[in-house]
């Protein structure tokens, strides 16, 4: 089965890349809807969405990303843009678990602030991670962005 993907056209890498992009959309996309869902009182739907789609997609994002790094034989210690993105992913998982998840079912003002802060931090992590993945700074020992 795997032999189908291991040819000169890098089909396995393409498949992993596709799943990686889908995981990004599934992990970060619903967070844009959370404030509106909370105002509408759909906290149970938000909780289900978060635990059945968003959080598993965050985990799948890491698994597939590490799969791509392994297939491509990346030396993660030498690729700072990947290492920084992995650290940001750890922060995103922690924010998702410890800040967003507890605030979903609560409609108090404090919970709304926690949810807003968690979503804001997660969106910032998404933006920084996308910039790192697209521009790949720190390549060849430089600290400038080389598009």
C-alpha atoms as a PDB file:
ATOM      1  CA  UNK A   1       0.000   0.000   0.000  1.00  0.00           C
ATOM      2  CA  UNK A   2       2.704   2.503   0.986  1.00  0.00           C
ATOM      3  CA  UNK A   3       4.703   1.528  -2.102  1.00  0.00           C
ATOM      4  CA  UNK A   4       2.079   3.320  -4.203  1.00  0.00           C
ATOM      5  CA  UNK A   5       3.069   6.601  -2.544  1.00  0.00           C
ATOM      6  CA  UNK A   6       6.837   6.124  -2.713  1.00  0.00           C
ATOM      7  CA  UNK A   7       7.701   7.027  -6.268  1.00  0.00           C
ATOM      8  CA  UNK A   8       9.716   9.799  -7.839  1.00  0.00           C
ATOM      9  CA  UNK A   9       6.771  12.222  -7.888  1.00  0.00           C
ATOM     10  CA  UNK A  10       6.633  12.349  -4.085  1.00  0.00           C
ATOM     11  CA  UNK A  11       2.971  11.345  -3.831  1.00  0.00           C
ATOM     12  CA  UNK A  12       3.318  10.608  -0.102  1.00  0.00           C
ATOM     13  CA  UNK A  13       4.638  14.110   0.553  1.00  0.00           C
ATOM     14  CA  UNK A  14       1.789  15.583  -1.485  1.00  0.00           C
ATOM     15  CA  UNK A  15      -0.768  13.537   0.435  1.00  0.00           C
ATOM     16  CA  UNK A  16       0.732  14.544   3.792  1.00  0.00           C
ATOM     17  CA  UNK A  17       0.853  18.179   2.710  1.00  0.00           C
ATOM     18  CA  UNK A  18      -2.819  18.054   1.677  1.00  0.00           C
ATOM     19  CA  UNK A  19      -3.860  16.495   5.005  1.00  0.00           C
ATOM     20  CA  UNK A  20      -1.679  19.080   6.809  1.00  0.00           C
ATOM     21  CA  UNK A  21      -3.519  21.953   5.110  1.00  0.00           C
ATOM     22  CA  UNK A  22      -6.926  20.378   5.829  1.00  0.00           C
ATOM     23  CA  UNK A  23      -5.910  19.969   9.473  1.00  0.00           C
ATOM     24  CA  UNK A  24      -4.992  23.650   9.656  1.00  0.00           C
ATOM     25  CA  UNK A  25      -8.398  24.646   8.321  1.00  0.00           C
ATOM     26  CA  UNK A  26     -10.205  22.270  10.705  1.00  0.00           C
ATOM     27  CA  UNK A  27      -8.124  23.341  13.716  1.00  0.00           C
ATOM     28  CA  UNK A  28      -8.287  27.102  13.272  1.00  0.00           C
ATOM     29  CA  UNK A  29     -11.356  27.772  11.112  1.00  0.00           C
ATOM     30  CA  UNK A  30     -14.088  27.104  13.678  1.00  0.00           C
ATOM     31  CA  UNK A  31     -12.448  29.500  16.140  1.00  0.00           C
ATOM     32  CA  UNK A  32     -13.616  32.364  13.944  1.00  0.00           C
ATOM     33  CA  UNK A  33     -17.214  31.298  14.680  1.00  0.00           C
ATOM     34  CA  UNK A  34     -16.912  30.862  18.451  1.00  0.00           C
ATOM     35  CA  UNK A  35     -17.735  34.454  19.506  1.00  0.00           C
ATOM     36  CA  UNK A  36     -20.880  34.475  17.368  1.00  0.00           C
ATOM     37  CA  UNK A  37     -21.872  31.017  18.614  1.00  0.00           C
ATOM     38  CA  UNK A  38     -21.343  32.088  22.224  1.00  0.00           C
ATOM     39  CA  UNK A  39     -23.520  35.184  21.774  1.00  0.00           C
ATOM     40  CA  UNK A  40     -26.230  32.961  20.257  1.00  0.00           C
ATOM     41  CA  UNK A  41     -26.076  30.647  23.279  1.00  0.00           C
ATOM     42  CA  UNK A  42     -24.774  27.673  21.323  1.00  0.00           C
ATOM     43  CA  UNK A  43     -22.259  26.690  24.003  1.00  0.00           C
ATOM     44  CA  UNK A  44     -23.017  22.958  23.804  1.00  0.00           C
ATOM     45  CA  UNK A  45     -22.510  22.989  20.034  1.00  0.00           C
ATOM     46  CA  UNK A  46     -19.278  24.931  20.525  1.00  0.00           C
ATOM     47  CA  UNK A  47     -18.037  22.423  23.088  1.00  0.00           C
ATOM     48  CA  UNK A  48     -18.839  19.510  20.789  1.00  0.00           C
ATOM     49  CA  UNK A  49     -17.170  21.238  17.842  1.00  0.00           C
ATOM     50  CA  UNK A  50     -14.077  22.010  19.874  1.00  0.00           C
ATOM     51  CA  UNK A  51     -13.590  18.530  21.305  1.00  0.00           C
ATOM     52  CA  UNK A  52     -14.644  16.555  18.214  1.00  0.00           C
ATOM     53  CA  UNK A  53     -13.063  18.666  15.458  1.00  0.00           C
ATOM     54  CA  UNK A  54     -10.737  21.433  16.592  1.00  0.00           C
ATOM     55  CA  UNK A  55      -8.669  19.635  19.197  1.00  0.00           C
ATOM     56  CA  UNK A  56      -8.262  16.384  17.190  1.00  0.00           C
ATOM     57  CA  UNK A  57      -7.317  18.474  14.144  1.00  0.00           C
ATOM     58  CA  UNK A  58      -4.595  20.188  16.205  1.00  0.00           C
ATOM     59  CA  UNK A  59      -3.177  16.786  17.117  1.00  0.00           C
ATOM     60  CA  UNK A  60      -3.444  15.521  13.520  1.00  0.00           C
ATOM     61  CA  UNK A  61      -1.684  18.707  12.392  1.00  0.00           C
ATOM     62  CA  UNK A  62       1.362  17.760  14.467  1.00  0.00           C
ATOM     63  CA  UNK A  63       1.315  14.088  13.448  1.00  0.00           C
ATOM     64  CA  UNK A  64       1.173  14.903   9.740  1.00  0.00           C
ATOM     65  CA  UNK A  65       3.734  17.702  10.083  1.00  0.00           C
ATOM     66  CA  UNK A  66       6.170  15.324  11.756  1.00  0.00           C
ATOM     67  CA  UNK A  67       5.394  12.779   9.039  1.00  0.00           C
ATOM     68  CA  UNK A  68       6.358  15.330   6.375  1.00  0.00           C
ATOM     69  CA  UNK A  69       9.536  16.196   8.271  1.00  0.00           C
ATOM     70  CA  UNK A  70      10.398  12.497   8.522  1.00  0.00           C
ATOM     71  CA  UNK A  71       9.680  11.680   4.883  1.00  0.00           C
ATOM     72  CA  UNK A  72      11.676  14.723   3.745  1.00  0.00           C
ATOM     73  CA  UNK A  73      14.462  13.865   6.239  1.00  0.00           C
ATOM     74  CA  UNK A  74      14.498  17.360   7.731  1.00  0.00           C
ATOM     75  CA  UNK A  75      17.017  18.018  10.489  1.00  0.00           C
ATOM     76  CA  UNK A  76      14.700  19.912  12.823  1.00  0.00           C
ATOM     77  CA  UNK A  77      17.552  21.290  14.941  1.00  0.00           C
ATOM     78  CA  UNK A  78      18.922  23.041  11.855  1.00  0.00           C
ATOM     79  CA  UNK A  79      15.586  24.366  10.605  1.00  0.00           C
ATOM     80  CA  UNK A  80      14.601  27.086  13.043  1.00  0.00           C
ATOM     81  CA  UNK A  81      11.434  27.993  11.193  1.00  0.00           C
ATOM     82  CA  UNK A  82      10.076  24.484  11.843  1.00  0.00           C
ATOM     83  CA  UNK A  83      11.343  24.373  15.427  1.00  0.00           C
ATOM     84  CA  UNK A  84       9.714  27.722  16.253  1.00  0.00           C
ATOM     85  CA  UNK A  85       6.476  26.577  14.630  1.00  0.00           C
ATOM     86  CA  UNK A  86       6.492  23.387  16.726  1.00  0.00           C
ATOM     87  CA  UNK A  87       6.919  25.498  19.873  1.00  0.00           C
ATOM     88  CA  UNK A  88       4.021  27.693  18.747  1.00  0.00           C
ATOM     89  CA  UNK A  89       1.936  24.552  18.158  1.00  0.00           C
ATOM     90  CA  UNK A  90       2.601  23.472  21.767  1.00  0.00           C
ATOM     91  CA  UNK A  91       1.380  26.883  22.949  1.00  0.00           C
ATOM     92  CA  UNK A  92      -1.727  26.589  20.723  1.00  0.00           C
ATOM     93  CA  UNK A  93      -2.581  23.181  22.197  1.00  0.00           C
ATOM     94  CA  UNK A  94      -2.100  24.515  25.746  1.00  0.00           C
ATOM     95  CA  UNK A  95      -4.257  27.580  25.032  1.00  0.00           C
ATOM     96  CA  UNK A  96      -6.909  25.386  23.438  1.00  0.00           C
ATOM     97  CA  UNK A  97      -7.000  22.986  26.359  1.00  0.00           C
ATOM     98  CA  UNK A  98      -6.523  25.311  29.333  1.00  0.00           C
ATOM     99  CA  UNK A  99      -8.091  28.583  28.170  1.00  0.00           C
ATOM    100  CA  UNK A 100     -10.623  27.986  25.386  1.00  0.00           C
ATOM    101  CA  UNK A 101     -12.069  24.613  26.465  1.00  0.00           C
ATOM    102  CA  UNK A 102     -13.027  25.673  30.033  1.00  0.00           C
ATOM    103  CA  UNK A 103     -14.520  28.969  28.795  1.00  0.00           C
ATOM    104  CA  UNK A 104     -16.775  27.404  26.171  1.00  0.00           C
ATOM    105  CA  UNK A 105     -19.574  26.191  28.422  1.00  0.00           C
ATOM    106  CA  UNK A 106     -19.589  29.242  30.670  1.00  0.00           C
ATOM    107  CA  UNK A 107     -21.485  32.392  29.687  1.00  0.00           C
ATOM    108  CA  UNK A 108     -20.093  34.677  32.400  1.00  0.00           C
ATOM    109  CA  UNK A 109     -18.161  37.817  31.532  1.00  0.00           C
ATOM    110  CA  UNK A 110     -14.895  36.328  32.835  1.00  0.00           C
ATOM    111  CA  UNK A 111     -15.350  33.254  30.624  1.00  0.00           C
ATOM    112  CA  UNK A 112     -16.094  35.460  27.623  1.00  0.00           C
ATOM    113  CA  UNK A 113     -12.849  37.337  28.240  1.00  0.00           C
ATOM    114  CA  UNK A 114     -10.907  34.061  28.561  1.00  0.00           C
ATOM    115  CA  UNK A 115     -12.463  32.768  25.362  1.00  0.00           C
ATOM    116  CA  UNK A 116     -11.647  35.993  23.517  1.00  0.00           C
ATOM    117  CA  UNK A 117      -8.067  35.957  24.809  1.00  0.00           C
ATOM    118  CA  UNK A 118      -7.615  32.302  23.861  1.00  0.00           C
ATOM    119  CA  UNK A 119      -9.005  32.847  20.378  1.00  0.00           C
ATOM    120  CA  UNK A 120      -6.843  35.937  19.908  1.00  0.00           C
ATOM    121  CA  UNK A 121      -3.684  34.126  20.975  1.00  0.00           C
ATOM    122  CA  UNK A 122      -4.558  31.186  18.737  1.00  0.00           C
ATOM    123  CA  UNK A 123      -5.121  33.443  15.733  1.00  0.00           C
ATOM    124  CA  UNK A 124      -1.810  35.187  16.408  1.00  0.00           C
ATOM    125  CA  UNK A 125      -0.106  31.784  16.524  1.00  0.00           C
ATOM    126  CA  UNK A 126      -1.774  30.885  13.222  1.00  0.00           C
ATOM    127  CA  UNK A 127      -0.543  34.099  11.572  1.00  0.00           C
ATOM    128  CA  UNK A 128       3.023  33.709  12.842  1.00  0.00           C
ATOM    129  CA  UNK A 129       3.127  30.009  11.920  1.00  0.00           C
ATOM    130  CA  UNK A 130       1.843  30.725   8.412  1.00  0.00           C
ATOM    131  CA  UNK A 131       4.487  33.409   7.947  1.00  0.00           C
ATOM    132  CA  UNK A 132       7.200  31.016   9.133  1.00  0.00           C
ATOM    133  CA  UNK A 133       5.993  28.201   6.885  1.00  0.00           C
ATOM    134  CA  UNK A 134       5.646  30.414   3.804  1.00  0.00           C
ATOM    135  CA  UNK A 135       8.764  32.600   4.069  1.00  0.00           C
ATOM    136  CA  UNK A 136      11.071  30.135   5.905  1.00  0.00           C
ATOM    137  CA  UNK A 137      13.305  32.672   7.640  1.00  0.00           C
ATOM    138  CA  UNK A 138      16.598  31.641   9.255  1.00  0.00           C
ATOM    139  CA  UNK A 139      17.468  29.526   6.218  1.00  0.00           C
ATOM    140  CA  UNK A 140      21.204  29.371   5.427  1.00  0.00           C
ATOM    141  CA  UNK A 141      22.084  31.090   8.689  1.00  0.00           C
ATOM    142  CA  UNK A 142      20.358  34.337   7.785  1.00  0.00           C
ATOM    143  CA  UNK A 143      17.851  36.219   9.870  1.00  0.00           C
ATOM    144  CA  UNK A 144      16.118  37.964   7.004  1.00  0.00           C
ATOM    145  CA  UNK A 145      13.048  36.780   5.178  1.00  0.00           C
ATOM    146  CA  UNK A 146      13.992  35.216   1.864  1.00  0.00           C
ATOM    147  CA  UNK A 147      10.840  34.837  -0.230  1.00  0.00           C
END
